[in-house]
Structure formats: C-alpha cells, structure tokens
Protein backbone atom coordinates (compact mmCIF):
# COMPACT_ATOMS: atom_id res chain seq x y z
CA MET A 1 -14.91 -4.80 0.26
CA SER A 2 -17.31 -2.80 2.35
CA ARG A 3 -18.03 0.75 3.34
CA SER A 4 -19.53 2.45 6.34
CA ASP A 5 -22.32 4.16 4.34
CA PRO A 6 -24.16 2.16 1.62
CA ALA A 7 -24.65 5.41 -0.33
CA ALA A 8 -20.94 6.32 -0.29
CA ALA A 9 -18.39 5.54 -2.96
CA ALA A 10 -16.53 2.25 -2.71
CA LEU A 11 -13.96 0.09 -4.42
CA ARG A 12 -15.28 -2.50 -6.86
CA PRO A 13 -13.16 -5.58 -7.65
CA VAL A 14 -13.07 -6.32 -11.38
CA LEU A 15 -11.71 -9.70 -12.48
CA VAL A 16 -9.21 -9.16 -15.30
CA HIS A 17 -7.83 -12.68 -15.68
CA HIS A 18 -7.94 -16.01 -13.89
CA ASP A 19 -7.10 -19.68 -14.16
CA ALA A 20 -6.95 -22.55 -11.66
CA THR A 21 -4.47 -20.91 -9.27
CA VAL A 22 -3.99 -17.31 -10.47
CA ALA A 23 -6.28 -14.28 -10.49
CA ARG A 24 -5.66 -10.68 -11.53
CA VAL A 25 -8.12 -8.20 -10.06
CA SER A 26 -8.42 -4.45 -10.66
CA LEU A 27 -9.71 -2.27 -7.80
CA VAL A 28 -11.99 0.28 -9.47
CA PRO A 29 -13.51 3.19 -7.48
CA ASP A 30 -17.27 3.64 -7.84
CA GLY A 31 -17.22 7.40 -7.33
CA ALA A 32 -15.06 10.07 -5.68
CA LEU A 33 -12.69 8.83 -2.99
CA LEU A 34 -11.94 9.93 -0.30
CA VAL A 35 -14.29 12.47 1.23
CA ALA A 36 -15.29 13.17 4.83
CA GLY A 37 -17.17 10.28 6.38
CA ASP A 38 -15.82 7.60 4.02
CA GLY A 39 -14.81 4.37 5.74
CA ILE A 40 -13.22 2.07 3.16
CA GLU A 41 -12.51 -1.49 4.26
CA VAL A 42 -10.64 -3.89 1.98
CA ASP A 43 -10.41 -7.56 2.96
CA VAL A 44 -8.02 -9.70 0.91
CA THR A 45 -7.78 -13.46 1.41
CA VAL A 46 -5.58 -15.72 -0.71
CA ASP A 47 -5.89 -19.45 -0.09
CA ALA A 48 -2.95 -21.82 0.16
CA GLY A 49 -0.97 -22.14 -3.06
CA ALA A 50 -2.89 -19.45 -4.99
CA TRP A 51 -1.60 -16.17 -6.44
CA LEU A 52 -3.59 -12.93 -6.44
CA ASP A 53 -2.28 -9.98 -8.46
CA LEU A 54 -4.03 -6.73 -7.47
CA ILE A 55 -3.79 -3.65 -9.69
CA GLU A 56 -5.24 -0.15 -9.49
CA PRO A 57 -6.26 1.76 -12.64
CA GLY A 58 -5.55 5.12 -11.03
CA GLY A 59 -4.52 6.83 -7.83
CA THR A 60 -6.69 7.95 -4.90
CA VAL A 61 -7.20 11.54 -3.77
CA ALA A 62 -8.26 12.37 -0.22
CA TYR A 63 -10.09 15.68 -0.58
CA ASP A 64 -10.47 18.63 1.82
CA MET A 65 -12.70 17.27 4.60
CA ARG A 66 -13.47 20.59 6.28
CA GLY A 67 -13.00 19.24 9.78
CA GLY A 68 -14.20 15.72 8.96
CA HIS A 69 -12.30 12.44 8.82
CA ALA A 70 -12.03 9.37 6.59
CA SER A 71 -10.43 5.95 6.97
CA TRP A 72 -8.91 3.36 4.67
CA ASP A 73 -8.31 -0.03 6.28
CA VAL A 74 -6.81 -3.09 4.57
CA ARG A 75 -6.76 -6.59 6.06
CA ILE A 76 -4.74 -9.31 4.31
CA GLN A 77 -4.80 -13.04 5.04
CA LEU A 78 -2.41 -15.31 3.12
CA GLY A 79 -2.51 -19.09 3.43
CA ALA A 80 0.48 -21.40 3.31
CA GLY A 81 2.34 -20.87 0.05
CA ALA A 82 -0.09 -18.14 -1.06
CA ARG A 83 1.20 -15.17 -3.05
CA LEU A 84 -0.07 -11.58 -3.18
CA THR A 85 1.34 -8.85 -5.41
CA TRP A 86 -0.32 -5.44 -5.08
CA ALA A 87 0.82 -2.56 -7.26
CA GLY A 88 -0.69 0.44 -5.46
CA ARG A 89 -1.02 3.79 -7.23
CA PRO A 90 -0.36 7.20 -5.61
CA PHE A 91 -2.43 8.11 -2.55
CA VAL A 92 -2.72 11.92 -2.50
CA VAL A 93 -3.56 13.69 0.77
CA SER A 94 -4.95 17.11 -0.20
CA ALA A 95 -4.90 20.20 1.99
CA GLY A 96 -7.62 19.86 4.64
CA ALA A 97 -7.84 16.07 4.40
CA ASP A 98 -7.65 13.99 7.59
CA VAL A 99 -7.18 10.27 6.93
CA GLY A 100 -6.38 7.19 8.98
CA ARG A 101 -4.86 4.49 6.79
CA SER A 102 -3.95 1.05 8.05
CA THR A 103 -2.71 -2.23 6.59
CA VAL A 104 -2.67 -5.45 8.62
CA ALA A 105 -1.20 -8.49 6.86
CA GLN A 106 -1.11 -11.97 8.37
CA LEU A 107 0.97 -14.50 6.47
CA ALA A 108 1.01 -18.23 7.05
CA ASP A 109 4.30 -20.07 6.87
CA GLY A 110 5.63 -20.03 3.31
CA ALA A 111 3.41 -17.16 2.09
CA TYR A 112 4.75 -14.40 -0.16
CA LEU A 113 3.86 -10.70 -0.21
CA ALA A 114 4.88 -7.79 -2.45
CA LEU A 115 3.29 -4.36 -1.85
CA ARG A 116 3.92 -1.08 -3.60
CA GLU A 117 2.60 2.28 -2.43
CA THR A 118 3.24 5.97 -2.92
CA VAL A 119 2.00 8.69 -0.57
CA VAL A 120 1.83 12.26 -1.90
CA LEU A 121 1.41 14.99 0.70
CA GLY A 122 -0.68 17.68 -0.96
CA ARG A 123 -1.59 18.29 -4.56
CA ASP A 124 0.78 20.36 -6.65
CA GLY A 125 1.25 23.81 -5.14
CA GLU A 126 -0.79 23.21 -1.97
CA TRP A 127 -0.16 22.30 1.66
CA PRO A 128 -0.50 18.65 2.68
CA GLY A 129 -3.38 17.25 4.64
CA THR A 130 -3.02 14.92 7.62
CA LEU A 131 -2.38 11.19 7.32
CA ARG A 132 -1.85 8.62 10.07
CA GLN A 133 -0.42 5.57 8.33
CA ARG A 134 0.03 2.24 10.11
CA ILE A 135 1.27 -1.07 8.77
CA THR A 136 1.61 -4.38 10.60
CA VAL A 137 2.92 -7.54 8.95
CA GLU A 138 3.02 -10.87 10.79
CA ARG A 139 4.34 -14.16 9.50
CA ASP A 140 3.24 -17.35 11.26
CA GLY A 141 2.13 -15.20 14.22
CA HIS A 142 5.43 -13.33 14.60
CA PRO A 143 5.84 -9.63 13.75
CA VAL A 144 7.95 -8.85 10.69
CA LEU A 145 7.15 -5.13 10.33
CA VAL A 146 5.30 -2.69 12.58
CA GLU A 147 5.26 0.97 11.57
CA ASP A 148 3.20 3.94 12.74
CA LEU A 149 3.88 7.03 10.64
CA PRO A 150 2.07 10.35 11.26
CA LEU A 151 2.37 12.69 8.27
CA GLY A 152 1.02 16.18 7.75
CA PRO A 153 1.75 19.92 7.50
CA TRP A 154 4.42 19.81 10.19
CA PRO A 155 8.10 18.78 10.31
CA THR A 156 8.34 14.98 10.19
CA SER A 157 11.44 12.92 10.83
CA GLY A 158 12.75 11.62 7.51
CA LEU A 159 10.83 14.12 5.36
CA ILE A 160 13.03 17.06 4.48
CA GLY A 161 12.26 20.36 2.79
CA LYS A 162 10.19 20.04 -0.35
CA HIS A 163 10.21 16.24 -0.36
CA ARG A 164 6.49 15.53 -0.16
CA VAL A 165 6.42 12.13 -1.87
CA LEU A 166 7.13 8.91 0.04
CA ALA A 167 7.43 5.77 -2.10
CA SER A 168 7.70 2.28 -0.61
CA VAL A 169 8.09 -1.28 -1.87
CA LEU A 170 7.80 -4.22 0.52
CA CYS A 171 8.83 -7.81 -0.20
CA ILE A 172 8.18 -10.57 2.36
CA GLY A 173 8.79 -14.29 2.08
CA ALA A 174 10.86 -14.32 -1.11
CA PRO A 175 14.66 -14.17 -1.08
CA VAL A 176 16.24 -11.03 -2.53
CA GLY A 177 20.01 -11.06 -2.97
CA ALA A 178 21.93 -8.67 -0.73
CA ASP A 179 23.48 -6.98 -3.77
CA VAL A 180 20.15 -6.34 -5.51
CA GLU A 181 18.90 -2.72 -5.62
CA SER A 182 20.86 -1.43 -2.62
CA ILE A 183 19.79 2.25 -2.82
CA GLY A 184 17.06 3.00 -0.28
CA ARG A 185 16.99 -0.63 0.83
CA LEU A 186 16.13 -1.69 4.39
CA ASP A 187 16.61 -5.35 5.32
CA LEU A 188 14.17 -6.37 8.06
CA ASP A 189 15.45 -8.31 11.08
CA ASP A 190 12.94 -11.15 10.69
CA GLY A 191 13.33 -11.45 6.94
CA GLY A 192 12.01 -9.36 4.10
CA VAL A 193 13.08 -6.15 2.43
CA MET A 194 11.63 -2.64 2.26
CA TRP A 195 12.74 0.04 -0.17
CA ARG A 196 12.01 3.72 0.55
CA ARG A 197 12.52 6.87 -1.44
CA LEU A 198 11.67 10.54 -0.90
CA GLY A 199 10.96 12.88 -3.77
CA VAL A 200 9.39 16.13 -4.87
CA GLN A 201 7.18 14.74 -7.65
CA ALA A 202 5.44 11.36 -7.79
CA HIS A 203 6.61 10.57 -11.32
CA GLU A 204 10.22 11.03 -10.17
CA THR A 205 9.83 8.80 -7.09
CA THR A 206 8.62 5.53 -8.53
CA LEU A 207 10.98 2.78 -7.27
CA ASP A 208 10.29 0.94 -10.53
CA THR A 209 13.36 -1.27 -10.32
CA ALA A 210 12.66 -2.24 -6.70
CA TRP A 211 9.09 -3.14 -7.63
CA GLN A 212 10.22 -5.27 -10.54
CA VAL A 213 12.59 -7.11 -8.19
CA ALA A 214 9.94 -7.62 -5.49
CA ARG A 215 7.17 -8.67 -7.87
CA GLY A 216 9.49 -10.98 -9.74
CA ALA A 217 10.60 -12.62 -6.49
CA VAL A 218 7.04 -13.20 -5.27
CA ALA A 219 5.38 -14.23 -8.55
CA PRO A 220 5.44 -17.96 -9.31
CA PRO A 221 8.32 -19.13 -11.51
C-alpha cells in the first residue's frame, strides 16, 4: 500500500491470522481518510493456490474537500487457483467530497474472487458529494465486468428518491446455483454473479445473505 504524500494518512495491513496457504489481514487506517489531496493505492497479490481474507475494522469517510480531490485505487492480481475474499465496510461520500475510486482485478484461470462494498452518498441529513466509481474485472485476459458509475448530487439512473445507499456483492470464479439469493441478482455473461441493492440507510442495505453465499463459494472447502 502506498500514498501520494508520505505525510498523509494511509492504510496499514495488520496480519490477524495465517498458516501455510491462508492469511487474514485487516486494513487499518493510520489517520483520517479521505481528505483533499489523498491518493490511496492498494495493491493486492495472491499467489497460486493461496487464500487471502481481507477485512476492514470500520468504514471510510470522504470529507468535504473544498474544491480539492482525492483518489482510491485498488489493483488485484490473483494467480491460478488463488482466492480473495474482501469484506469492505461502508464508503461514505460527504457533502463537498470529490473522489475517484477504481478497482482493477486480474484473475488467472481458476482464480476466485468475492468482493463486498457499500457506497453511502452523504452523511445523515446532508447532500452527497461526488464519486466516480470504476471497476474492471478480467479473467485469463478476458473482461468479465466493466462498470463506470458516476454518482453525486444529481439524478442518477438506478438511484431513486431518497435511496442514497448502494450495496454490492460480487462473486467470480465459484459456481452459485441459479436459485440461490435471486433478489437483486445479476448473472454476468462471462460467468460470475453480482448482487445489488438500494436503500435509505446503510444498516438496512447490507446484502448479508448474498455475502455469505459469495464468501462461502469462494472460501476453500
């Protein structure tokens, strides 16, 4: 993990548990995130046959940047048969925030990926900030998912009325039965499943069952 300014806050990986092929790592912020000028870069590499379980102790708040900008970029490389489960916590885009957030995941043949994320547009009782969210997932060099989603204090397709919370769960590489958790489910053309849900409050928009399904499918038996 790196940052654009050595004096700025960053994410610190804390090893929670490990053995020969499994590691659980907590991503702990070393200070207030995100503020104007922050450039967070997270590089995740899982070698062939290993399993990395990433957890976050708390959510992230992008604060009012008063005309500034911040970025949050994730790059994921998974080797053949590698497994990554990442239980993201809410990412709150406060009024006045301007954030570019991207995730690029490259999976080798036979790799498994489960990602969970929740975007909250604005803190309680305030207008949302601006977020440009991009995600690209490739498996063996072929695109599985490409999404570019601009979100902010304007009407956005798919976000209606007071629904300011967007929860997502993504499962790639592991089979999920067609009859499993059908509400909010999107089956991708090249394999994989995404679940989406809109809500007013983050605690009401959790997709807990979908995450249990995705994580259980990706985790080793």
